[in-house]
Protein backbone atom coordinates (compact mmCIF):
# COMPACT_ATOMS: atom_id res chain seq x y z
CA LEU A 1 -50.41 -16.74 16.06
CA LEU A 2 -47.54 -13.80 14.22
CA LYS A 3 -47.47 -10.38 16.03
CA VAL A 4 -46.37 -7.47 13.84
CA HIS A 5 -44.69 -4.28 15.57
CA PHE A 6 -45.36 -0.99 13.75
CA ILE A 7 -41.74 0.86 15.03
CA SER A 8 -42.68 4.17 15.62
CA ILE A 9 -39.67 6.32 12.98
CA TRP A 10 -39.15 9.62 13.89
CA CYS A 11 -36.49 11.88 11.43
CA CYS A 12 -37.05 14.68 14.03
CA ASP A 13 -34.45 16.98 13.18
CA ILE A 14 -32.55 17.50 9.46
CA THR A 15 -30.28 20.47 10.67
CA ALA A 16 -28.65 22.87 7.43
CA PRO A 17 -25.13 24.12 8.42
CA ASN A 18 -26.74 27.36 8.75
CA GLY A 19 -29.28 25.88 11.61
CA ASP A 20 -32.17 26.06 9.57
CA LYS A 21 -34.68 22.76 10.23
CA VAL A 22 -35.38 21.34 6.60
CA ASN A 23 -38.43 20.19 5.73
CA PHE A 24 -38.52 15.92 4.64
CA GLN A 25 -40.96 13.48 3.74
CA GLN A 26 -41.88 10.03 4.90
CA MET A 27 -41.86 7.92 1.01
CA THR A 28 -42.94 4.71 2.27
CA ARG A 29 -43.69 3.05 5.15
CA VAL A 30 -43.59 -1.07 6.28
CA THR A 31 -43.78 -3.24 9.34
CA SER A 32 -39.88 -2.74 9.74
CA SER A 33 -38.95 0.40 7.83
CA THR A 34 -39.33 3.64 6.34
CA ALA A 35 -37.78 6.10 2.92
CA ILE A 36 -37.71 9.66 3.65
CA ARG A 37 -36.23 12.54 1.21
CA TYR A 38 -35.63 15.65 1.81
CA THR A 39 -33.47 18.40 -0.09
CA PRO A 40 -30.84 20.05 1.36
CA PRO A 41 -31.22 24.20 0.21
CA ILE A 42 -27.47 25.17 0.93
CA PRO A 43 -24.41 23.25 -0.16
CA GLY A 44 -22.56 22.38 3.51
CA ASN A 45 -22.53 19.42 6.19
CA TYR A 46 -26.15 18.31 7.89
CA ILE A 47 -27.20 16.55 10.95
CA ILE A 48 -29.69 13.72 10.85
CA GLU A 49 -30.94 13.03 13.68
CA VAL A 50 -32.56 9.79 13.55
CA LEU A 51 -34.95 8.31 16.14
CA VAL A 52 -37.21 5.09 17.27
CA ASN A 53 -39.17 5.45 20.01
CA LYS A 54 -37.80 8.50 21.48
CA GLU A 55 -33.71 6.82 21.21
CA HIS A 56 -31.66 7.93 18.86
CA ILE A 57 -31.06 5.09 16.43
CA LYS A 58 -27.32 2.88 15.85
CA GLY A 59 -24.69 6.22 14.29
CA SER A 60 -27.53 8.84 14.86
CA PRO A 61 -27.08 11.60 14.83
CA PHE A 62 -25.67 10.86 10.76
CA THR A 63 -23.82 13.97 9.24
CA ALA A 64 -24.55 14.31 5.89
CA HIS A 65 -21.57 16.42 3.27
CA HIS A 66 -23.79 18.02 0.53
CA ILE A 67 -21.46 20.06 -2.50
CA GLU A 68 -23.12 22.01 -5.01
CA PRO A 69 -23.72 20.92 -8.35
CA SER A 70 -21.25 20.78 -11.05
CA ASN A 71 -20.85 24.53 -13.03
CA SER A 72 -19.80 24.68 -16.73
CA GLN A 73 -16.70 27.31 -15.58
CA GLY A 74 -14.31 24.31 -13.23
CA CYS A 75 -15.17 22.03 -16.21
CA PHE A 76 -12.80 21.13 -19.61
CA ALA A 77 -12.20 18.53 -22.27
CA LYS A 78 -9.57 17.31 -23.39
CA GLY A 79 -8.53 14.18 -26.26
CA SER A 80 -7.99 14.13 -30.18
CA GLY A 81 -11.37 13.33 -30.86
CA LEU A 82 -11.88 17.61 -29.90
CA ARG A 83 -9.73 17.89 -32.61
CA LYS A 84 -9.89 15.72 -35.54
CA VAL A 85 -11.23 11.65 -36.41
CA VAL A 86 -10.78 10.03 -39.43
CA VAL A 87 -14.21 8.49 -40.76
CA GLY A 88 -15.04 5.38 -39.45
CA GLU A 89 -12.98 5.24 -36.26
CA LYS A 90 -14.28 6.37 -32.99
CA GLY A 91 -13.31 10.09 -31.55
CA ASN A 92 -12.12 9.78 -27.92
CA PHE A 93 -12.65 13.27 -25.33
CA THR A 94 -12.77 13.47 -21.95
CA VAL A 95 -14.86 15.96 -19.73
CA ASP A 96 -13.40 16.78 -16.28
CA CYS A 97 -15.65 19.03 -13.92
CA SER A 98 -13.56 17.96 -10.64
CA ASN A 99 -13.01 21.39 -10.18
CA GLY A 100 -16.35 22.59 -11.15
């Protein structure tokens, strides 16, 4: 006889850097795991508390750092492929958004 136990998983709190609670969605649920999805509205450190049967799991609460997406103002391109390329040969250049 095989017993299957369903676990009760709560992502009881996802807290934004400004203290606001962030909505989340439980995507899938199987007998031993679940997938959670959320969208951070602002950059900064988020506190994610994950509880199973009302107790924190190992490592909870977690801190997730979210950054702004890159913007064009902090990006630049460099390389010979931006200036001149011989027909039939490959032109190369690099786009760097590390400051964007």
